[in-house]
Structures are given as C-alpha cells and as structure tokens.
Amino acid sequence: MSKLSAANLTQVLNAVNTLSSDFDPDSLRERTLSAVLSLIPNEMTAFDGFDNKGDYLGPRWYSPPDTVPEESVRLLGELVHEHPYYLQAVLTQEQNTFRTSDYLSLPRFHRTELFNEFYRIFGGDAQMTSAMRTSPTCLVTCSIHRPKMDFDDIEVEML
C-alpha cells in the first residue's frame, strides 16, 4: 500500500510528464535532473555508472553542473567501495531505492574516508540512492545529496 498522498502522486506525475515531454536524447539530461529536483529538494543530484564487476565507470550527469572536479571523480572511484550502496546495489546489481542511513548510521558514515575526502565537500551528509540497469553491462545509480536532514519514507517512495 502506497503512503503517497494525492499531492505526492501529482508531483510524481508532473515529474513523469517532464521526463516524457520530449524524446530528444540531447535534452534527456536536463529533463531527468529537473524531474528529480522537482520531487526531492537537494544540494546535488549525481548519476554514476558501474560495470558488472562493480568497477566505477565515472559520472554520467551531475547537477548543478561542474559540481565535481575531475580529481574528485578519480577519488570517488578509489573510495566508492566504502559506500553502503556499493555493496547493496552495485555488487549485488539490486535495483531499488534506499537511504545511506538504511544501512549505516549517518554519524558512522561521516567517519568514513569516503565521506571526509569526497562527500563532505558537496554537502552530502544525507544521501538517497536508486540503482537502475541501463544495459546488460551497465548499472547507473542516481544519488541525491543534502546537508544535515535525512530523507523520509515518502521521498524514498517518490524516487
């Protein structure tokens, strides 16, 4: 049974409308990032790719643009194995949505090298991630980051 209210469902339908408003692949990035931001307020939205072995393929899209410098992308690739979503989604290839705090308390996550060397810079105190297979050899994660306030059950369901 869905916990979403009529207003939540309207938001989701509006986001779907944004996604399907055009079929031009060149506008897919902006439509997707806009749809996510319309559903869930956040500091940064990141789409990252992984292969079937769990190797980090790099960023697909980040919003706001140019949020993550190239050196930080390299660092993320080296440390991503510390992230709870790495085990829960990337290695298992599981396609679902979850908060970092579903698998690791935020204070504990904030003590990881990954958080202190990468996410702290971008206001990624709390994160929600959704994984989706885009081809037989590629899994893409959509990670939403914001400072301090964790994501609630309604936001998880909306994503």
Protein backbone atom coordinates (compact mmCIF):
# COMPACT_ATOMS: atom_id res chain seq x y z
CA MET A 1 0.00 0.00 0.00
CA SER A 2 1.39 3.35 -1.02
CA LYS A 3 1.95 6.04 1.60
CA LEU A 4 1.82 8.77 -1.02
CA SER A 5 -0.86 11.44 -0.76
CA ALA A 6 -2.75 12.85 -3.72
CA ALA A 7 -0.34 15.82 -3.70
CA ASN A 8 2.67 13.45 -3.75
CA LEU A 9 1.18 11.50 -6.64
CA THR A 10 0.59 14.74 -8.53
CA GLN A 11 4.27 15.61 -8.02
CA VAL A 12 5.31 12.21 -9.36
CA LEU A 13 3.02 12.55 -12.38
CA ASN A 14 4.42 16.02 -13.08
CA ALA A 15 7.95 14.59 -12.92
CA VAL A 16 6.96 11.81 -15.35
CA ASN A 17 5.46 14.47 -17.61
CA THR A 18 8.76 16.37 -17.52
CA LEU A 19 10.65 13.20 -18.46
CA SER A 20 8.30 12.36 -21.33
CA SER A 21 7.85 15.93 -22.61
CA ASP A 22 10.47 15.38 -25.31
CA PHE A 23 12.11 12.41 -26.96
CA ASP A 24 15.33 14.16 -27.96
CA PRO A 25 18.28 12.37 -26.31
CA ASP A 26 20.11 15.70 -26.13
CA SER A 27 17.55 17.02 -23.62
CA LEU A 28 17.37 13.84 -21.51
CA ARG A 29 19.99 15.05 -19.01
CA GLU A 30 18.17 18.29 -18.24
CA ARG A 31 14.72 16.66 -18.17
CA THR A 32 15.91 13.93 -15.81
CA LEU A 33 17.74 16.24 -13.43
CA SER A 34 14.79 18.66 -13.42
CA ALA A 35 12.33 15.84 -12.68
CA VAL A 36 14.41 14.59 -9.72
CA LEU A 37 14.80 18.08 -8.26
CA SER A 38 11.05 18.72 -8.62
CA LEU A 39 10.38 15.67 -6.43
CA ILE A 40 13.05 15.95 -3.76
CA PRO A 41 14.86 19.11 -2.62
CA ASN A 42 18.62 18.51 -2.64
CA GLU A 43 22.06 20.10 -2.91
CA MET A 44 23.31 17.76 -5.61
CA THR A 45 21.98 15.02 -7.85
CA ALA A 46 24.53 12.60 -9.33
CA PHE A 47 24.17 9.84 -11.88
CA ASP A 48 27.17 7.47 -11.86
CA GLY A 49 27.90 4.30 -13.85
CA PHE A 50 29.25 0.90 -12.80
CA ASP A 51 30.04 -2.21 -14.84
CA ASN A 52 29.00 -5.79 -13.99
CA LYS A 53 32.16 -6.30 -11.90
CA GLY A 54 31.42 -3.24 -9.77
CA ASP A 55 34.10 -1.08 -11.36
CA TYR A 56 33.29 2.63 -11.32
CA LEU A 57 32.76 3.91 -14.87
CA GLY A 58 32.57 7.54 -13.81
CA PRO A 59 29.94 10.22 -13.68
CA ARG A 60 27.12 10.38 -16.20
CA TRP A 61 25.42 13.59 -15.04
CA TYR A 62 25.83 15.91 -12.08
CA SER A 63 23.63 18.80 -11.07
CA PRO A 64 24.49 21.54 -10.50
CA PRO A 65 26.87 21.24 -13.47
CA ASP A 66 30.62 21.31 -12.77
CA THR A 67 29.96 20.46 -9.11
CA VAL A 68 32.58 17.72 -9.03
CA PRO A 69 36.11 18.42 -10.32
CA GLU A 70 37.94 15.67 -12.23
CA GLU A 71 40.32 14.98 -9.32
CA SER A 72 37.33 14.36 -7.04
CA VAL A 73 35.82 11.95 -9.59
CA ARG A 74 39.07 9.95 -9.51
CA LEU A 75 38.97 9.94 -5.70
CA LEU A 76 35.35 8.74 -5.70
CA GLY A 77 36.33 5.85 -7.95
CA GLU A 78 39.05 4.84 -5.46
CA LEU A 79 36.86 5.10 -2.34
CA VAL A 80 33.36 4.17 -3.56
CA HIS A 81 33.71 0.63 -2.16
CA GLU A 82 33.21 2.22 1.33
CA HIS A 83 29.69 3.37 0.45
CA PRO A 84 26.75 1.25 1.63
CA TYR A 85 25.16 1.47 -1.83
CA TYR A 86 28.24 -0.13 -3.32
CA LEU A 87 27.55 -3.39 -1.55
CA GLN A 88 23.75 -3.12 -1.59
CA ALA A 89 23.28 -2.08 -5.23
CA VAL A 90 26.46 -2.22 -7.26
CA LEU A 91 27.89 -5.58 -6.23
CA THR A 92 24.50 -7.31 -5.96
CA GLN A 93 23.16 -5.46 -9.04
CA GLU A 94 19.98 -4.88 -6.99
CA GLN A 95 17.68 -2.24 -8.45
CA ASN A 96 15.94 -0.40 -5.63
CA THR A 97 15.96 2.89 -3.72
CA PHE A 98 17.43 3.38 -0.27
CA ARG A 99 18.98 5.91 2.08
CA THR A 100 22.55 5.60 3.25
CA SER A 101 21.11 5.59 6.78
CA ASP A 102 19.12 2.41 5.96
CA TYR A 103 22.44 0.51 6.08
CA LEU A 104 24.81 2.71 8.06
CA SER A 105 24.09 5.40 10.65
CA LEU A 106 24.88 8.89 9.40
CA PRO A 107 27.40 9.52 12.24
CA ARG A 108 29.19 6.29 11.28
CA PHE A 109 29.09 7.21 7.56
CA HIS A 110 30.54 10.62 8.45
CA ARG A 111 33.59 8.85 9.91
CA THR A 112 34.46 7.09 6.64
CA GLU A 113 37.30 8.25 4.43
CA LEU A 114 34.82 8.42 1.54
CA PHE A 115 32.66 10.96 3.34
CA ASN A 116 35.55 13.05 4.65
CA GLU A 117 37.51 13.11 1.40
CA PHE A 118 34.60 13.38 -1.04
CA TYR A 119 31.02 13.92 0.17
CA ARG A 120 31.77 16.48 2.89
CA ILE A 121 32.85 18.93 0.16
CA PHE A 122 29.47 18.69 -1.60
CA GLY A 123 27.07 18.83 1.33
CA GLY A 124 26.39 15.09 1.06
CA ASP A 125 25.65 14.47 4.74
CA ALA A 126 22.47 12.55 3.90
CA GLN A 127 22.05 10.56 0.71
CA MET A 128 19.41 8.57 -1.10
CA THR A 129 20.33 6.30 -3.99
CA SER A 130 18.36 4.48 -6.62
CA ALA A 131 20.01 1.94 -8.90
CA MET A 132 18.82 1.01 -12.38
CA ARG A 133 20.19 -1.21 -15.12
CA THR A 134 20.57 0.74 -18.37
CA SER A 135 22.15 -2.08 -20.39
CA PRO A 136 23.28 -5.66 -19.79
CA THR A 137 26.72 -4.34 -18.78
CA CYS A 138 25.93 -1.04 -17.02
CA LEU A 139 24.24 -0.13 -13.76
CA VAL A 140 23.53 3.55 -13.16
CA THR A 141 22.95 4.99 -9.71
CA CYS A 142 21.02 8.19 -9.06
CA SER A 143 22.30 9.67 -5.80
CA ILE A 144 20.64 12.63 -4.15
CA HIS A 145 22.62 14.55 -1.55
CA ARG A 146 21.71 17.16 1.00
CA PRO A 147 23.19 18.52 4.21
CA LYS A 148 22.03 17.52 7.67
CA MET A 149 18.43 16.37 7.07
CA ASP A 150 17.94 12.72 6.11
CA PHE A 151 15.34 11.65 3.55
CA ASP A 152 11.96 10.45 4.77
CA ASP A 153 9.94 7.38 3.68
CA ILE A 154 7.73 9.48 1.37
CA GLU A 155 10.76 10.81 -0.50
CA VAL A 156 12.15 7.28 -0.89
CA GLU A 157 8.83 6.11 -2.31
CA MET A 158 8.59 9.11 -4.65
CA LEU A 159 12.03 8.43 -6.14
